[in-house]
Protein backbone atom coordinates (compact mmCIF):
# COMPACT_ATOMS: atom_id res chain seq x y z
CA MET A 1 22.80 14.89 -1.16
CA ASN A 2 22.78 18.24 -3.41
CA ARG A 3 20.43 20.59 -1.72
CA ASN A 4 18.80 23.04 -4.48
CA ILE A 5 19.67 27.04 -3.86
CA SER A 6 16.40 28.12 -4.76
CA VAL A 7 14.90 26.09 -1.93
CA LEU A 8 17.60 27.09 0.14
CA SER A 9 17.10 30.65 -0.62
CA ALA A 10 13.62 30.46 0.33
CA CYS A 11 14.44 29.96 3.64
CA LEU A 12 16.92 32.94 4.11
CA ALA A 13 16.52 35.96 5.65
CA MET A 14 16.28 37.34 1.73
CA SER A 15 12.69 36.38 1.84
CA LEU A 16 12.06 36.23 5.30
CA THR A 17 9.93 33.26 5.59
CA ALA A 18 10.40 30.11 7.54
CA CYS A 19 12.09 27.35 6.33
CA VAL A 20 10.01 23.98 7.62
CA SER A 21 12.89 21.58 6.59
CA THR A 22 15.69 21.09 8.53
CA GLU A 23 17.41 18.40 6.21
CA ALA A 24 20.91 19.05 5.12
CA PRO A 25 23.76 17.08 3.61
CA SER A 26 24.70 14.13 5.88
CA ASN A 27 28.78 15.15 5.67
CA GLN A 28 27.16 18.99 7.28
CA LYS A 29 25.76 18.40 10.65
CA LYS A 30 26.41 21.96 11.24
CA LEU A 31 25.51 23.62 8.54
CA VAL A 32 21.10 24.41 9.39
CA PRO A 33 19.04 27.05 7.58
CA ASN A 34 17.22 29.60 9.60
CA THR A 35 14.00 28.02 11.08
CA VAL A 36 12.61 31.10 13.02
CA THR A 37 9.77 32.67 11.12
CA TYR A 38 9.75 36.54 11.80
CA SER A 39 6.46 36.78 12.72
CA GLN A 40 7.08 34.44 15.70
CA ALA A 41 10.63 36.64 16.87
CA ILE A 42 8.65 39.98 16.86
CA ASN A 43 5.59 41.58 17.57
CA TRP A 44 5.58 43.39 14.71
CA PRO A 45 3.36 46.84 14.21
CA GLN A 46 1.38 46.85 10.95
CA GLN A 47 1.85 50.14 10.52
CA ASP A 48 5.81 49.35 10.15
CA GLY A 49 4.99 47.25 7.04
CA ALA A 50 2.50 49.71 5.35
CA PHE A 51 5.24 52.59 5.89
CA CYS A 52 7.79 49.86 4.01
CA HIS A 53 5.15 49.10 1.66
CA ALA A 54 4.42 52.84 0.15
CA ALA A 55 8.05 53.20 0.33
CA LEU A 56 8.82 50.61 -1.78
CA ASP A 57 5.88 52.15 -4.21
CA LYS A 58 7.60 55.34 -4.29
CA ALA A 59 11.07 53.65 -4.61
CA THR A 60 9.48 51.81 -7.58
CA GLU A 61 8.08 55.22 -9.43
CA GLN A 62 12.16 56.52 -9.11
CA LEU A 63 13.74 53.40 -10.34
CA ASP A 64 11.11 53.12 -13.14
CA ASN A 65 12.86 56.61 -14.21
CA PHE A 66 16.26 55.14 -13.61
CA ARG A 67 15.85 52.03 -15.93
CA GLN A 68 14.88 54.59 -18.65
CA ALA A 69 17.31 56.79 -18.11
CA TYR A 70 20.05 53.50 -17.89
CA THR A 71 19.45 50.97 -20.85
CA ASP A 72 22.95 49.34 -21.24
CA PRO A 73 23.35 46.15 -18.89
CA LEU A 74 27.16 46.04 -19.66
CA GLN A 75 26.98 50.02 -18.83
CA ILE A 76 25.93 49.92 -15.13
CA PRO A 77 25.22 52.96 -13.01
CA ARG A 78 27.57 53.22 -10.08
CA SER A 79 26.97 56.76 -8.93
CA PHE A 80 25.78 59.92 -9.20
CA SER A 81 28.05 62.98 -7.66
CA GLN A 82 28.24 66.56 -9.17
CA GLY A 83 25.88 66.43 -11.45
CA LYS A 84 27.11 63.50 -13.59
CA PRO A 85 26.57 59.57 -13.32
CA ARG A 86 29.37 57.30 -13.01
CA LEU A 87 29.09 54.02 -14.79
CA GLU A 88 31.06 50.98 -14.66
CA GLY A 89 31.43 47.22 -16.59
CA PRO A 90 30.23 44.26 -15.54
CA MET A 91 33.64 43.19 -13.82
CA GLY A 92 33.66 45.90 -11.12
CA TRP A 93 32.66 45.05 -7.30
CA THR A 94 28.95 47.15 -7.26
CA ALA A 95 27.99 45.85 -10.98
CA GLY A 96 25.45 43.55 -9.53
CA PHE A 97 23.43 46.30 -7.62
CA VAL A 98 21.61 47.41 -10.42
CA ALA A 99 19.87 44.23 -11.39
CA GLY A 100 19.83 43.36 -7.63
CA SER A 101 17.88 46.20 -7.15
CA TYR A 102 15.28 45.39 -10.12
CA TRP A 103 14.74 42.07 -8.36
CA TYR A 104 13.56 43.25 -5.14
CA VAL A 105 11.03 45.63 -7.18
CA TYR A 106 9.82 42.63 -8.69
CA GLU A 107 9.40 41.15 -5.44
CA HIS A 108 7.57 43.72 -4.55
CA ASN A 109 5.15 44.22 -7.44
CA ARG A 110 5.51 40.93 -9.67
CA ASN A 111 5.25 42.97 -12.48
CA GLN A 112 6.40 40.91 -15.75
CA SER A 113 8.43 43.86 -16.99
CA TRP A 114 10.32 44.19 -13.84
CA LEU A 115 10.87 40.70 -14.03
CA ASP A 116 12.05 41.13 -17.66
CA THR A 117 14.11 43.94 -16.62
CA ALA A 118 15.89 41.96 -13.76
CA THR A 119 16.53 38.68 -16.03
CA GLU A 120 18.15 41.29 -18.99
CA TRP A 121 20.52 42.70 -16.17
CA THR A 122 21.10 39.75 -14.67
CA GLU A 123 22.04 37.23 -17.10
CA ALA A 124 24.32 40.04 -18.50
CA LEU A 125 26.59 39.43 -15.81
CA GLU A 126 26.65 35.50 -16.35
CA PRO A 127 30.29 35.68 -17.23
CA GLN A 128 31.12 36.87 -14.09
CA GLN A 129 30.82 33.84 -12.68
CA PHE A 130 34.58 33.23 -13.64
CA ASN A 131 35.98 36.31 -12.51
CA ARG A 132 39.51 36.20 -11.15
CA ARG A 133 40.14 39.74 -10.96
CA THR A 134 37.83 40.51 -7.41
CA HIS A 135 36.87 38.92 -4.65
CA ASP A 136 33.49 40.69 -4.90
CA ILE A 137 32.27 37.95 -6.26
CA GLY A 138 29.34 37.12 -3.93
CA PHE A 139 28.26 40.69 -3.98
CA ILE A 140 28.05 40.29 -8.34
CA ILE A 141 26.12 36.72 -7.91
CA ASN A 142 24.10 36.95 -5.11
CA SER A 143 22.30 40.09 -5.73
CA THR A 144 21.37 38.84 -9.64
CA PHE A 145 21.28 35.29 -9.67
CA GLY A 146 20.88 34.36 -6.20
CA ASN A 147 17.97 36.95 -6.12
CA GLY A 148 17.18 35.72 -9.21
CA GLN A 149 16.48 31.94 -8.49
CA ARG A 150 15.22 32.53 -5.21
CA LEU A 151 12.04 34.33 -7.02
CA THR A 152 11.85 32.85 -9.91
CA GLY A 153 13.27 28.93 -9.27
CA LYS A 154 15.09 29.42 -12.37
CA LYS A 155 17.79 25.93 -12.39
CA ALA A 156 20.16 27.64 -14.49
CA TYR A 157 21.25 30.24 -11.89
CA GLU A 158 22.18 27.30 -9.58
CA PRO A 159 25.38 26.54 -11.67
CA VAL A 160 26.44 30.03 -11.91
CA GLN A 161 26.38 30.05 -8.21
CA ILE A 162 28.78 27.57 -7.61
CA ASN A 163 31.03 28.42 -10.48
CA ALA A 164 31.06 31.66 -8.70
CA ALA A 165 31.83 30.09 -5.52
CA LYS A 166 34.68 27.70 -7.28
CA THR A 167 36.21 31.05 -8.50
CA PHE A 168 35.93 32.60 -5.03
CA MET A 169 38.21 29.60 -3.58
CA GLU A 170 40.75 30.09 -5.60
CA ARG A 171 41.57 33.26 -2.94
CA TYR A 172 40.98 30.36 0.00
CA ASN A 173 44.71 30.22 1.81
CA PRO A 174 44.42 27.78 4.22
CA LYS A 175 47.71 28.90 6.14
CA ILE A 176 45.92 31.87 7.22
CA GLY A 177 42.79 30.74 6.88
CA THR A 178 41.08 33.40 5.02
CA THR A 179 40.36 34.85 1.17
CA PHE A 180 42.14 37.25 -0.13
CA SER A 181 41.16 40.92 -0.80
CA TRP A 182 42.06 43.47 -3.67
CA SER A 183 44.06 42.19 -6.46
CA TRP A 184 45.98 45.74 -6.58
CA GLY A 185 48.32 47.27 -4.38
CA THR A 186 51.63 46.46 -2.77
CA TRP A 187 49.99 43.88 0.45
CA GLU A 188 51.09 40.91 0.95
CA PHE A 189 47.67 39.07 1.58
CA PRO A 190 44.88 42.13 2.18
CA VAL A 191 41.71 41.27 3.42
CA ILE A 192 38.98 43.53 4.06
CA ILE A 193 36.23 43.76 6.23
CA ASP A 194 33.61 44.02 3.24
CA ASN A 195 35.36 40.36 2.40
CA MET A 196 32.65 39.00 5.14
CA MET A 197 29.82 39.95 2.79
CA ASN A 198 30.85 37.37 -0.01
CA LEU A 199 31.08 34.15 2.69
CA GLU A 200 27.02 34.31 1.69
CA LEU A 201 28.30 32.38 -1.44
CA LEU A 202 29.97 29.60 -0.04
CA PHE A 203 27.94 28.67 2.80
CA ASN A 204 25.00 28.33 -0.56
CA ALA A 205 26.98 26.89 -2.25
CA SER A 206 27.83 24.35 0.56
CA LEU A 207 24.30 23.56 0.97
CA ALA A 208 23.71 23.20 -3.15
CA THR A 209 26.56 20.79 -3.53
CA GLY A 210 26.95 18.76 -0.02
CA ASP A 211 30.89 20.28 0.08
CA GLN A 212 31.90 20.49 3.16
CA THR A 213 34.94 22.36 2.16
CA TYR A 214 33.00 25.86 1.12
CA TYR A 215 31.02 25.86 4.52
CA ASP A 216 35.13 25.27 6.17
CA ALA A 217 36.39 28.02 4.47
CA ALA A 218 33.86 30.55 5.18
CA VAL A 219 33.53 29.74 8.62
CA SER A 220 37.46 30.02 9.31
CA HIS A 221 37.43 33.35 7.24
CA ALA A 222 34.98 34.35 9.97
CA THR A 223 36.26 33.10 12.59
CA VAL A 224 39.72 34.33 11.45
CA THR A 225 38.23 37.64 10.97
CA MET A 226 36.81 38.13 14.04
CA GLU A 227 40.10 37.26 15.82
CA HIS A 228 42.44 39.91 13.95
CA HIS A 229 39.87 42.84 12.51
CA PHE A 230 38.13 44.03 16.10
CA ARG A 231 39.23 46.32 18.20
CA ASP A 232 38.33 45.61 22.42
CA ASP A 233 35.55 47.81 21.59
CA HIS A 234 34.14 45.87 18.96
CA SER A 235 35.02 47.72 16.05
CA SER A 236 36.67 47.12 13.22
CA TYR A 237 39.52 47.71 11.05
CA HIS A 238 38.96 48.18 7.36
CA LEU A 239 42.15 46.13 6.16
CA VAL A 240 44.90 43.49 7.62
CA ASN A 241 47.49 42.57 5.36
CA TYR A 242 48.82 38.95 6.09
CA ASN A 243 52.11 37.46 6.41
CA ARG A 244 52.00 34.28 3.71
CA THR A 245 54.82 32.26 5.71
CA THR A 246 53.47 33.04 9.54
CA GLY A 247 49.91 33.29 8.87
CA LEU A 248 49.67 36.28 10.95
CA PRO A 249 49.24 39.57 10.69
CA ASN A 250 51.71 42.25 9.30
CA PHE A 251 49.64 44.91 9.88
CA LYS A 252 46.07 46.80 10.02
CA GLN A 253 44.96 49.85 8.27
CA THR A 254 41.37 51.90 8.14
CA PHE A 255 42.12 52.70 4.35
CA GLN A 256 38.65 54.66 3.31
CA GLY A 257 37.63 56.12 6.83
CA ILE A 258 39.76 59.31 8.38
CA ALA A 259 43.07 56.92 10.12
CA ASP A 260 43.78 53.37 11.07
CA ASP A 261 42.77 53.57 14.28
CA SER A 262 39.28 55.05 13.35
CA SER A 263 36.13 53.86 13.22
CA TRP A 264 34.56 53.87 9.03
CA ALA A 265 30.77 53.78 9.34
CA ARG A 266 30.32 51.66 5.72
CA GLY A 267 33.02 49.19 7.24
CA GLN A 268 31.13 48.34 10.55
CA GLY A 269 28.06 47.85 8.38
CA TRP A 270 29.67 45.12 6.57
CA GLY A 271 30.65 43.25 9.91
CA LEU A 272 27.07 43.76 11.58
CA TYR A 273 25.97 42.46 7.97
CA GLY A 274 28.61 39.72 7.52
CA TYR A 275 28.13 38.45 11.23
CA THR A 276 24.59 37.82 11.26
CA MET A 277 24.98 36.50 8.35
CA VAL A 278 27.02 33.97 9.30
CA TYR A 279 24.96 33.21 12.38
CA ARG A 280 21.81 32.46 9.85
CA PHE A 281 24.15 29.40 8.38
CA THR A 282 26.13 28.36 10.71
CA LYS A 283 23.93 28.68 14.33
CA ASP A 284 27.44 29.07 16.26
CA GLU A 285 26.67 31.41 19.44
CA LYS A 286 29.86 32.90 18.97
CA PHE A 287 29.14 34.51 15.48
CA LEU A 288 25.45 36.04 17.05
CA ASN A 289 27.23 37.19 19.86
CA HIS A 290 30.03 39.25 17.83
CA ALA A 291 26.71 40.68 15.63
CA ARG A 292 25.01 41.99 18.73
CA ASN A 293 28.05 43.35 19.94
CA ILE A 294 28.97 44.97 16.71
CA ALA A 295 25.57 46.23 16.58
CA ASN A 296 25.33 47.79 20.41
CA TYR A 297 28.88 49.43 19.40
CA ILE A 298 27.24 51.36 15.99
CA LEU A 299 24.41 52.46 18.21
CA THR A 300 25.53 53.23 21.19
CA HIS A 301 28.10 55.65 19.44
CA LYS A 302 28.58 58.79 20.90
CA ASN A 303 28.80 60.74 17.53
CA MET A 304 25.87 58.18 16.12
CA PRO A 305 23.51 61.32 14.65
CA ASP A 306 19.82 61.81 16.52
CA ASP A 307 18.34 60.35 13.13
CA LEU A 308 20.82 57.06 13.08
CA VAL A 309 21.96 57.60 9.69
CA PRO A 310 26.23 57.72 10.27
CA TYR A 311 28.43 59.93 9.35
CA PHE A 312 30.96 58.33 6.99
CA ASP A 313 33.82 57.45 9.80
CA TYR A 314 32.18 57.48 13.23
CA ASP A 315 35.15 59.15 14.70
CA ALA A 316 35.19 62.09 12.17
CA PRO A 317 33.37 64.52 13.75
CA ASP A 318 36.12 64.52 16.45
CA ASP A 319 38.59 65.99 13.99
CA PRO A 320 37.98 69.75 13.14
CA ASN A 321 39.71 69.42 9.65
CA ILE A 322 37.84 66.96 8.58
CA VAL A 323 34.10 67.35 6.55
CA ASN A 324 31.53 65.40 8.33
CA TYR A 325 30.15 64.15 5.26
CA ARG A 326 26.91 61.99 6.37
CA ASP A 327 27.37 58.10 4.40
CA SER A 328 23.24 56.91 3.56
CA SER A 329 24.79 53.44 2.40
CA ALA A 330 26.19 52.61 5.82
CA ALA A 331 22.83 53.09 7.52
CA SER A 332 20.86 51.35 4.79
CA LEU A 333 23.05 48.51 5.07
CA ALA A 334 22.72 48.35 8.76
CA ALA A 335 19.39 48.85 8.82
CA SER A 336 18.96 45.77 6.40
CA ALA A 337 21.37 43.73 8.99
CA LEU A 338 19.61 45.00 12.35
CA LEU A 339 16.09 43.55 10.78
CA GLU A 340 17.40 40.29 10.62
CA LEU A 341 19.38 40.16 13.97
CA ALA A 342 16.25 41.41 15.62
CA THR A 343 14.86 37.69 15.21
CA TYR A 344 17.60 35.85 16.39
CA VAL A 345 17.34 37.91 20.02
CA GLU A 346 14.29 37.77 22.23
CA GLY A 347 12.23 40.74 23.99
CA ALA A 348 13.41 44.30 24.51
CA GLU A 349 17.15 43.96 22.59
CA SER A 350 14.89 42.44 19.38
CA GLN A 351 12.44 45.44 20.16
CA ARG A 352 15.60 47.63 20.22
CA TYR A 353 17.45 46.57 16.76
CA HIS A 354 14.07 46.71 14.74
CA GLN A 355 13.26 49.73 16.15
CA ALA A 356 16.38 50.96 15.42
CA ALA A 357 16.18 50.13 12.03
CA MET A 358 13.15 51.31 11.62
CA LYS A 359 14.10 54.98 12.80
CA MET A 360 17.02 54.31 9.60
CA LEU A 361 14.60 53.54 7.33
CA ARG A 362 12.36 56.02 8.34
CA SER A 363 15.31 59.14 8.24
CA LEU A 364 16.66 58.09 5.00
CA SER A 365 13.02 58.22 3.37
CA SER A 366 12.52 61.31 4.68
CA PRO A 367 13.16 64.15 1.91
CA ALA A 368 16.84 64.83 4.13
CA TYR A 369 18.24 61.49 1.63
CA LEU A 370 15.49 60.41 -0.30
CA ALA A 371 15.94 62.26 -3.93
CA GLY A 372 12.33 63.49 -5.39
CA ARG A 373 11.21 61.73 -8.66
CA GLY A 374 13.80 62.94 -11.60
CA GLU A 375 16.10 64.24 -9.74
CA ASN A 376 19.77 62.95 -8.50
CA GLY A 377 20.29 60.74 -11.55
CA HIS A 378 17.22 58.91 -10.31
CA PHE A 379 18.77 57.27 -8.03
CA LEU A 380 17.46 56.86 -4.97
CA LEU A 381 19.42 57.72 -1.49
CA LYS A 382 21.36 61.36 -1.28
CA GLN A 383 24.15 62.06 1.12
CA ALA A 384 26.22 59.05 0.41
CA THR A 385 29.98 58.61 0.91
CA GLY A 386 32.34 56.64 -1.22
CA ASN A 387 35.62 57.17 -0.31
CA TYR A 388 36.51 60.24 1.78
CA PRO A 389 40.63 59.72 1.54
CA ALA A 390 40.23 60.11 -2.27
CA VAL A 391 38.13 62.38 -2.50
CA ASP A 392 35.70 59.86 -4.81
CA GLU A 393 31.94 60.12 -4.71
CA LEU A 394 31.60 62.56 -1.61
CA ASN A 395 28.08 63.61 -1.21
CA SER A 396 27.23 61.47 -3.87
CA ALA A 397 24.39 58.63 -4.69
CA LEU A 398 25.52 55.14 -4.40
CA ASN A 399 23.84 52.09 -6.21
CA TYR A 400 24.75 49.56 -3.17
CA GLY A 401 23.09 52.29 -0.45
CA ASP A 402 20.11 51.44 -2.87
CA TYR A 403 20.36 48.48 -3.17
CA TYR A 404 20.52 47.61 1.03
CA TYR A 405 17.92 50.30 1.44
CA LEU A 406 15.16 47.84 -0.89
CA GLU A 407 16.42 45.14 0.63
CA ALA A 408 15.60 46.65 3.89
CA LEU A 409 12.07 48.03 3.01
CA THR A 410 11.65 44.07 1.67
CA ARG A 411 12.68 42.95 4.65
CA CYS A 412 10.59 45.09 6.74
CA LYS A 413 7.51 44.81 4.33
CA THR A 414 7.35 40.77 4.65
CA LEU A 415 8.25 40.74 8.63
CA ALA A 416 4.96 43.01 8.93
CA LYS A 417 3.07 39.93 7.38
């Protein structure tokens, strides 16, 4: 039985509303959408909702300048560093986050001009459904066509997502049980923790088509990654390079942190968000418990600053030779994930997660991290770190940091209703 993605998406944590139906394809007994309403899960302070509403208003003002400054949907503003914007073509992994940000502004104010802008920037990326050069097709398509269908019900956006899932499945290796990541370099079969985020594309395609193959591949990838990426303290390596013959790891690295055995902050955020999302679709307790362990690792780390905006690597403060850049993108990502995770647990644990998320959002909304109107190349957040070892996008603005900041504010606003 086919199931429309727009119906599914209305049930999921992007929109933070309850899913009143548990109907699923007959061959997918384990695949159930989120049936927990957020108002039931948390006694949500109304003042938090008012804060997030006001923060979205302020972000909209800045992004109005942003869309006037950057007008070509095929030259996507990726970052702003050292006084200059960095533009990226439509095949880059960050290509969808600007259109995705516009969708969140439209969700906030339902203004026709923002709908038009989001639609234009989304539909410019339609050819990317067949982009075989990147594993991050999920980032590109979910943030654009996924959000677009969720908010408009536009049926033409559904096959784009399904085709993208088919493209992504070409990277799946049943011997290893994962999809491979980077198509460059000398690795044999690299899998990065970021790739957890792209599994949402497979889950959505499975629900839309009734094809169990997508679901099984997503669950396998999450399970194998849980086994091989994570250390005993629940921190994660950035990359595991697998042997195509044996299916086992050759070696493990942390490519964007300070050392292979260090804890790259955004990588921990990808893991937290990814396993929270996988639990949303599967309701398998092992994934929920893993997400909780990652959250607790992050929130109790000895080097987590008081404002809960982490250093780019949690181990960076222990090395006197490292510049302790913060990473606002890691905080916005974690805040969004924690808001969802808080709805899957109860009592003091739930309160702890949502209070931590709100502290992150309040910190990010302060002058220390939030740019003034007309500043920062019209991006929202300052003090993000792209790739420290490569000396790239340091103390910068990043479009994906802004995207997850808007997503977290949207989740917060909806939770308070």
